Amino acid sequence: MSTSDDASTSQNSTHNFSLLSIVSKVTFDGTNYNDWIRNIKMALRYEGKDKVLEKQLVDIDEASATPQEIISYKKHFDDAIKVAYIMVATMVLELKRFYDDYWPYNINLDLVEKFHKREHQKKYEVVKAIMACSFKEGDLIFNYVQKMKIYMERLERINVNFDEELAIDMVHNSLPPCYDQFVFAYHLNNTETTLGQLHNLL
């Protein structure tokens, strides 16, 4: 017959396995940091363990620490062990080996430093392409709007919120004079569309 401790341990193991099955839907391969960390953070917030990503685990002197400090440290330690396992378990083999002995806080800090620069460069390249994109005489309006839509989707993939209304205004502003009446009517009627729908109106 199982004891209450055995039942509790079994429930915790099942719970941790369920959490791992959720976050493992996105495997970090070195190119999808934003998707991976978003998935990790959502699961940890739900579990109330997200602080281990933001707060470094610092050893304490139990001889001089208060009972509450000891309890808090042990909880932080236990949470960090579990989260580190989950983070490393959802990485490809090469990254598993590299981060195997890291605490969650240090894993996240290292990855932010590495991938923030890379994401900033991606954002710069997309924004530069958007600013250079203009409708030229002889171009198909459908192709031009679709190109702008693709740029917006690329920004979304790297967690950059680029207001779609602003993107539509940029399209309007780049159109030749023959579309002036259309732009005037669009704003006069307060028409609300997406980039995907705009080409049907033009």
C-alpha atoms as a PDB file:
ATOM      1  CA  MET A   1       0.000   0.000   0.000  1.00  0.00           C
ATOM      2  CA  SER A   2       1.442   3.420  -0.945  1.00  0.00           C
ATOM      3  CA  THR A   3       2.187   5.990   1.721  1.00  0.00           C
ATOM      4  CA  SER A   4       1.042   9.608   1.465  1.00  0.00           C
ATOM      5  CA  ASP A   5       4.653  10.629   0.728  1.00  0.00           C
ATOM      6  CA  ASP A   6       4.829   8.101  -2.108  1.00  0.00           C
ATOM      7  CA  ALA A   7       1.568   9.443  -3.528  1.00  0.00           C
ATOM      8  CA  SER A   8       2.836  13.020  -3.272  1.00  0.00           C
ATOM      9  CA  THR A   9       6.094  12.107  -4.999  1.00  0.00           C
ATOM     10  CA  SER A  10       4.173  10.317  -7.752  1.00  0.00           C
ATOM     11  CA  GLN A  11       1.893  13.328  -8.274  1.00  0.00           C
ATOM     12  CA  ASN A  12       4.866  15.703  -8.455  1.00  0.00           C
ATOM     13  CA  SER A  13       6.622  13.457 -10.972  1.00  0.00           C
ATOM     14  CA  THR A  14       3.492  13.272 -13.116  1.00  0.00           C
ATOM     15  CA  HIS A  15       3.028  17.041 -12.836  1.00  0.00           C
ATOM     16  CA  ASN A  16       6.645  17.744 -13.852  1.00  0.00           C
ATOM     17  CA  PHE A  17       6.331  15.334 -16.770  1.00  0.00           C
ATOM     18  CA  SER A  18       3.164  17.119 -17.947  1.00  0.00           C
ATOM     19  CA  LEU A  19       4.928  20.487 -17.725  1.00  0.00           C
ATOM     20  CA  LEU A  20       7.865  19.138 -19.714  1.00  0.00           C
ATOM     21  CA  SER A  21       5.529  17.740 -22.371  1.00  0.00           C
ATOM     22  CA  ILE A  22       4.049  21.216 -22.820  1.00  0.00           C
ATOM     23  CA  VAL A  23       7.297  23.179 -23.114  1.00  0.00           C
ATOM     24  CA  SER A  24       8.989  20.515 -25.254  1.00  0.00           C
ATOM     25  CA  LYS A  25       6.676  21.435 -28.127  1.00  0.00           C
ATOM     26  CA  VAL A  26       9.361  24.003 -29.024  1.00  0.00           C
ATOM     27  CA  THR A  27      12.935  22.696 -29.100  1.00  0.00           C
ATOM     28  CA  PHE A  28      15.648  25.350 -28.948  1.00  0.00           C
ATOM     29  CA  ASP A  29      18.075  24.832 -31.838  1.00  0.00           C
ATOM     30  CA  GLY A  30      19.961  28.127 -31.725  1.00  0.00           C
ATOM     31  CA  THR A  31      17.759  29.912 -34.259  1.00  0.00           C
ATOM     32  CA  ASN A  32      14.388  30.122 -32.481  1.00  0.00           C
ATOM     33  CA  TYR A  33      15.256  31.714 -29.141  1.00  0.00           C
ATOM     34  CA  ASN A  34      12.182  33.985 -28.971  1.00  0.00           C
ATOM     35  CA  ASP A  35       9.686  31.181 -29.616  1.00  0.00           C
ATOM     36  CA  TRP A  36      11.449  28.870 -27.175  1.00  0.00           C
ATOM     37  CA  ILE A  37      11.824  31.329 -24.289  1.00  0.00           C
ATOM     38  CA  ARG A  38       8.219  32.537 -24.743  1.00  0.00           C
ATOM     39  CA  ASN A  39       7.017  28.964 -24.368  1.00  0.00           C
ATOM     40  CA  ILE A  40       9.242  28.399 -21.315  1.00  0.00           C
ATOM     41  CA  LYS A  41       8.106  31.632 -19.634  1.00  0.00           C
ATOM     42  CA  MET A  42       4.398  30.944 -20.156  1.00  0.00           C
ATOM     43  CA  ALA A  43       4.729  27.536 -18.504  1.00  0.00           C
ATOM     44  CA  LEU A  44       6.836  28.889 -15.630  1.00  0.00           C
ATOM     45  CA  ARG A  45       4.450  31.789 -14.954  1.00  0.00           C
ATOM     46  CA  TYR A  46       1.602  29.312 -14.716  1.00  0.00           C
ATOM     47  CA  GLU A  47       3.642  27.273 -12.222  1.00  0.00           C
ATOM     48  CA  GLY A  48       4.837  30.326 -10.281  1.00  0.00           C
ATOM     49  CA  LYS A  49       8.473  29.476 -10.995  1.00  0.00           C
ATOM     50  CA  ASP A  50       9.370  32.289 -13.397  1.00  0.00           C
ATOM     51  CA  LYS A  51      11.448  34.157 -10.792  1.00  0.00           C
ATOM     52  CA  VAL A  52      14.295  31.648 -11.238  1.00  0.00           C
ATOM     53  CA  LEU A  53      14.914  33.199 -14.684  1.00  0.00           C
ATOM     54  CA  GLU A  54      15.126  36.709 -13.239  1.00  0.00           C
ATOM     55  CA  LYS A  55      16.746  36.195  -9.831  1.00  0.00           C
ATOM     56  CA  GLN A  56      20.161  34.623  -9.350  1.00  0.00           C
ATOM     57  CA  LEU A  57      20.445  31.813  -6.801  1.00  0.00           C
ATOM     58  CA  VAL A  58      22.872  32.993  -4.119  1.00  0.00           C
ATOM     59  CA  ASP A  59      24.133  30.609  -1.449  1.00  0.00           C
ATOM     60  CA  ILE A  60      23.315  31.458   2.152  1.00  0.00           C
ATOM     61  CA  ASP A  61      24.961  30.669   5.468  1.00  0.00           C
ATOM     62  CA  GLU A  62      22.374  28.497   7.189  1.00  0.00           C
ATOM     63  CA  ALA A  63      24.089  29.044  10.530  1.00  0.00           C
ATOM     64  CA  SER A  64      23.246  32.741  10.482  1.00  0.00           C
ATOM     65  CA  ALA A  65      20.185  32.765   8.206  1.00  0.00           C
ATOM     66  CA  THR A  66      16.668  33.118   9.570  1.00  0.00           C
ATOM     67  CA  PRO A  67      14.220  30.201   9.235  1.00  0.00           C
ATOM     68  CA  GLN A  68      12.303  32.135   6.539  1.00  0.00           C
ATOM     69  CA  GLU A  69      15.506  32.797   4.572  1.00  0.00           C
ATOM     70  CA  ILE A  70      16.340  29.090   4.687  1.00  0.00           C
ATOM     71  CA  ILE A  71      12.856  28.132   3.503  1.00  0.00           C
ATOM     72  CA  SER A  72      12.992  30.683   0.676  1.00  0.00           C
ATOM     73  CA  TYR A  73      16.453  29.523  -0.393  1.00  0.00           C
ATOM     74  CA  LYS A  74      15.468  25.849  -0.440  1.00  0.00           C
ATOM     75  CA  LYS A  75      12.357  26.608  -2.507  1.00  0.00           C
ATOM     76  CA  HIS A  76      14.401  28.708  -4.931  1.00  0.00           C
ATOM     77  CA  PHE A  77      16.991  25.911  -5.127  1.00  0.00           C
ATOM     78  CA  ASP A  78      14.368  23.214  -5.787  1.00  0.00           C
ATOM     79  CA  ASP A  79      12.591  25.345  -8.406  1.00  0.00           C
ATOM     80  CA  ALA A  80      15.891  26.185 -10.115  1.00  0.00           C
ATOM     81  CA  ILE A  81      16.858  22.496 -10.325  1.00  0.00           C
ATOM     82  CA  LYS A  82      13.531  21.626 -11.996  1.00  0.00           C
ATOM     83  CA  VAL A  83      13.545  24.607 -14.368  1.00  0.00           C
ATOM     84  CA  ALA A  84      17.156  24.002 -15.403  1.00  0.00           C
ATOM     85  CA  TYR A  85      16.226  20.417 -16.248  1.00  0.00           C
ATOM     86  CA  ILE A  86      13.247  21.554 -18.314  1.00  0.00           C
ATOM     87  CA  MET A  87      15.245  24.233 -20.160  1.00  0.00           C
ATOM     88  CA  VAL A  88      18.113  21.894 -21.022  1.00  0.00           C
ATOM     89  CA  ALA A  89      15.754  19.045 -21.905  1.00  0.00           C
ATOM     90  CA  THR A  90      14.140  21.237 -24.578  1.00  0.00           C
ATOM     91  CA  MET A  91      17.413  21.996 -26.366  1.00  0.00           C
ATOM     92  CA  VAL A  92      19.182  20.184 -29.182  1.00  0.00           C
ATOM     93  CA  LEU A  93      22.047  17.904 -28.122  1.00  0.00           C
ATOM     94  CA  GLU A  94      24.872  20.375 -28.769  1.00  0.00           C
ATOM     95  CA  LEU A  95      23.223  23.043 -26.593  1.00  0.00           C
ATOM     96  CA  LYS A  96      22.292  20.463 -23.920  1.00  0.00           C
ATOM     97  CA  ARG A  97      25.965  19.675 -23.488  1.00  0.00           C
ATOM     98  CA  PHE A  98      26.926  23.350 -23.263  1.00  0.00           C
ATOM     99  CA  TYR A  99      24.278  24.402 -20.717  1.00  0.00           C
ATOM    100  CA  ASP A 100      24.101  21.172 -18.725  1.00  0.00           C
ATOM    101  CA  ASP A 101      25.706  22.679 -15.580  1.00  0.00           C
ATOM    102  CA  TYR A 102      24.091  26.137 -15.787  1.00  0.00           C
ATOM    103  CA  TRP A 103      21.419  27.496 -13.482  1.00  0.00           C
ATOM    104  CA  PRO A 104      18.271  28.871 -15.217  1.00  0.00           C
ATOM    105  CA  TYR A 105      19.210  32.493 -14.466  1.00  0.00           C
ATOM    106  CA  ASN A 106      22.637  32.011 -16.063  1.00  0.00           C
ATOM    107  CA  ILE A 107      21.223  30.136 -19.051  1.00  0.00           C
ATOM    108  CA  ASN A 108      18.793  32.955 -19.774  1.00  0.00           C
ATOM    109  CA  LEU A 109      21.398  35.672 -19.175  1.00  0.00           C
ATOM    110  CA  ASP A 110      23.854  34.032 -21.559  1.00  0.00           C
ATOM    111  CA  LEU A 111      21.240  33.485 -24.269  1.00  0.00           C
ATOM    112  CA  VAL A 112      19.888  37.043 -23.997  1.00  0.00           C
ATOM    113  CA  GLU A 113      23.402  38.422 -24.476  1.00  0.00           C
ATOM    114  CA  LYS A 114      24.009  36.187 -27.484  1.00  0.00           C
ATOM    115  CA  PHE A 115      20.695  36.463 -29.266  1.00  0.00           C
ATOM    116  CA  HIS A 116      19.662  40.039 -28.479  1.00  0.00           C
ATOM    117  CA  LYS A 117      22.402  41.317 -30.791  1.00  0.00           C
ATOM    118  CA  ARG A 118      21.342  38.883 -33.491  1.00  0.00           C
ATOM    119  CA  GLU A 119      17.665  39.876 -33.210  1.00  0.00           C
ATOM    120  CA  HIS A 120      18.594  43.567 -33.277  1.00  0.00           C
ATOM    121  CA  GLN A 121      20.460  43.013 -36.547  1.00  0.00           C
ATOM    122  CA  LYS A 122      17.459  41.171 -38.013  1.00  0.00           C
ATOM    123  CA  LYS A 123      15.156  44.017 -36.996  1.00  0.00           C
ATOM    124  CA  TYR A 124      17.480  46.578 -38.555  1.00  0.00           C
ATOM    125  CA  GLU A 125      17.586  44.670 -41.846  1.00  0.00           C
ATOM    126  CA  VAL A 126      13.791  44.335 -42.056  1.00  0.00           C
ATOM    127  CA  VAL A 127      13.123  47.968 -41.137  1.00  0.00           C
ATOM    128  CA  LYS A 128      15.723  49.084 -43.681  1.00  0.00           C
ATOM    129  CA  ALA A 129      13.986  46.979 -46.346  1.00  0.00           C
ATOM    130  CA  ILE A 130      10.589  48.461 -45.414  1.00  0.00           C
ATOM    131  CA  MET A 131      11.899  52.023 -45.655  1.00  0.00           C
ATOM    132  CA  ALA A 132      13.425  51.270 -49.052  1.00  0.00           C
ATOM    133  CA  CYS A 133      10.288  49.575 -50.353  1.00  0.00           C
ATOM    134  CA  SER A 134       8.256  51.783 -52.666  1.00  0.00           C
ATOM    135  CA  PHE A 135       5.723  51.298 -55.406  1.00  0.00           C
ATOM    136  CA  LYS A 136       7.239  51.979 -58.805  1.00  0.00           C
ATOM    137  CA  GLU A 137       5.466  52.621 -62.076  1.00  0.00           C
ATOM    138  CA  GLY A 138       4.803  49.332 -63.821  1.00  0.00           C
ATOM    139  CA  ASP A 139       4.774  47.307 -60.582  1.00  0.00           C
ATOM    140  CA  LEU A 140       1.787  45.167 -59.697  1.00  0.00           C
ATOM    141  CA  ILE A 141      -0.010  46.589 -56.675  1.00  0.00           C
ATOM    142  CA  PHE A 142      -0.744  43.071 -55.397  1.00  0.00           C
ATOM    143  CA  ASN A 143       2.959  42.147 -55.352  1.00  0.00           C
ATOM    144  CA  TYR A 144       3.860  45.368 -53.588  1.00  0.00           C
ATOM    145  CA  VAL A 145       1.281  44.946 -50.817  1.00  0.00           C
ATOM    146  CA  GLN A 146       2.234  41.294 -50.383  1.00  0.00           C
ATOM    147  CA  LYS A 147       5.873  42.310 -49.990  1.00  0.00           C
ATOM    148  CA  MET A 148       4.933  44.732 -47.217  1.00  0.00           C
ATOM    149  CA  LYS A 149       2.855  42.012 -45.559  1.00  0.00           C
ATOM    150  CA  ILE A 150       5.836  39.646 -45.581  1.00  0.00           C
ATOM    151  CA  TYR A 151       8.000  42.307 -43.916  1.00  0.00           C
ATOM    152  CA  MET A 152       5.376  42.758 -41.173  1.00  0.00           C
ATOM    153  CA  GLU A 153       5.290  39.003 -40.568  1.00  0.00           C
ATOM    154  CA  ARG A 154       9.088  38.909 -40.308  1.00  0.00           C
ATOM    155  CA  LEU A 155       8.966  41.620 -37.647  1.00  0.00           C
ATOM    156  CA  GLU A 156       6.311  39.719 -35.720  1.00  0.00           C
ATOM    157  CA  ARG A 157       8.498  36.597 -35.721  1.00  0.00           C
ATOM    158  CA  ILE A 158      11.242  38.506 -33.893  1.00  0.00           C
ATOM    159  CA  ASN A 159       8.773  40.034 -31.414  1.00  0.00           C
ATOM    160  CA  VAL A 160       8.665  43.515 -32.950  1.00  0.00           C
ATOM    161  CA  ASN A 161       5.234  45.104 -32.850  1.00  0.00           C
ATOM    162  CA  PHE A 162       4.845  47.128 -36.012  1.00  0.00           C
ATOM    163  CA  ASP A 163       1.405  48.691 -36.145  1.00  0.00           C
ATOM    164  CA  GLU A 164      -0.457  47.442 -39.219  1.00  0.00           C
ATOM    165  CA  GLU A 165      -2.233  50.781 -39.597  1.00  0.00           C
ATOM    166  CA  LEU A 166       1.177  52.443 -39.869  1.00  0.00           C
ATOM    167  CA  ALA A 167       2.181  49.902 -42.509  1.00  0.00           C
ATOM    168  CA  ILE A 168      -0.974  50.725 -44.506  1.00  0.00           C
ATOM    169  CA  ASP A 169      -0.193  54.439 -44.212  1.00  0.00           C
ATOM    170  CA  MET A 170       3.297  53.709 -45.571  1.00  0.00           C
ATOM    171  CA  VAL A 171       1.751  51.892 -48.538  1.00  0.00           C
ATOM    172  CA  HIS A 172      -0.609  54.803 -49.181  1.00  0.00           C
ATOM    173  CA  ASN A 173       2.219  57.320 -48.953  1.00  0.00           C
ATOM    174  CA  SER A 174       4.300  55.459 -51.517  1.00  0.00           C
ATOM    175  CA  LEU A 175       1.552  55.173 -54.127  1.00  0.00           C
ATOM    176  CA  PRO A 176       1.749  57.324 -57.267  1.00  0.00           C
ATOM    177  CA  PRO A 177      -0.528  60.402 -57.666  1.00  0.00           C
ATOM    178  CA  CYS A 178      -3.122  58.415 -59.610  1.00  0.00           C
ATOM    179  CA  TYR A 179      -4.119  56.758 -56.282  1.00  0.00           C
ATOM    180  CA  ASP A 180      -4.650  60.066 -54.434  1.00  0.00           C
ATOM    181  CA  GLN A 181      -8.430  59.858 -54.777  1.00  0.00           C
ATOM    182  CA  PHE A 182      -8.439  56.316 -53.399  1.00  0.00           C
ATOM    183  CA  VAL A 183      -6.340  57.317 -50.377  1.00  0.00           C
ATOM    184  CA  PHE A 184      -8.597  60.310 -49.722  1.00  0.00           C
ATOM    185  CA  ALA A 185     -11.730  58.143 -49.852  1.00  0.00           C
ATOM    186  CA  TYR A 186     -10.084  55.489 -47.648  1.00  0.00           C
ATOM    187  CA  HIS A 187      -9.436  57.960 -44.838  1.00  0.00           C
ATOM    188  CA  LEU A 188     -12.729  59.802 -45.359  1.00  0.00           C
ATOM    189  CA  ASN A 189     -14.694  56.583 -44.888  1.00  0.00           C
ATOM    190  CA  ASN A 190     -12.493  55.523 -41.946  1.00  0.00           C
ATOM    191  CA  THR A 191     -12.057  52.157 -43.600  1.00  0.00           C
ATOM    192  CA  GLU A 192     -10.456  49.482 -41.425  1.00  0.00           C
ATOM    193  CA  THR A 193      -8.561  46.770 -43.291  1.00  0.00           C
ATOM    194  CA  THR A 194      -5.543  44.543 -42.965  1.00  0.00           C
ATOM    195  CA  LEU A 195      -2.638  44.547 -45.372  1.00  0.00           C
ATOM    196  CA  GLY A 196      -3.949  41.266 -46.702  1.00  0.00           C
ATOM    197  CA  GLN A 197      -7.268  42.934 -47.593  1.00  0.00           C
ATOM    198  CA  LEU A 198      -5.850  46.194 -48.902  1.00  0.00           C
ATOM    199  CA  HIS A 199      -4.907  44.888 -52.321  1.00  0.00           C
ATOM    200  CA  ASN A 200      -8.562  43.947 -52.953  1.00  0.00           C
ATOM    201  CA  LEU A 201      -9.513  47.601 -52.519  1.00  0.00           C
ATOM    202  CA  LEU A 202      -6.806  49.006 -54.737  1.00  0.00           C
END
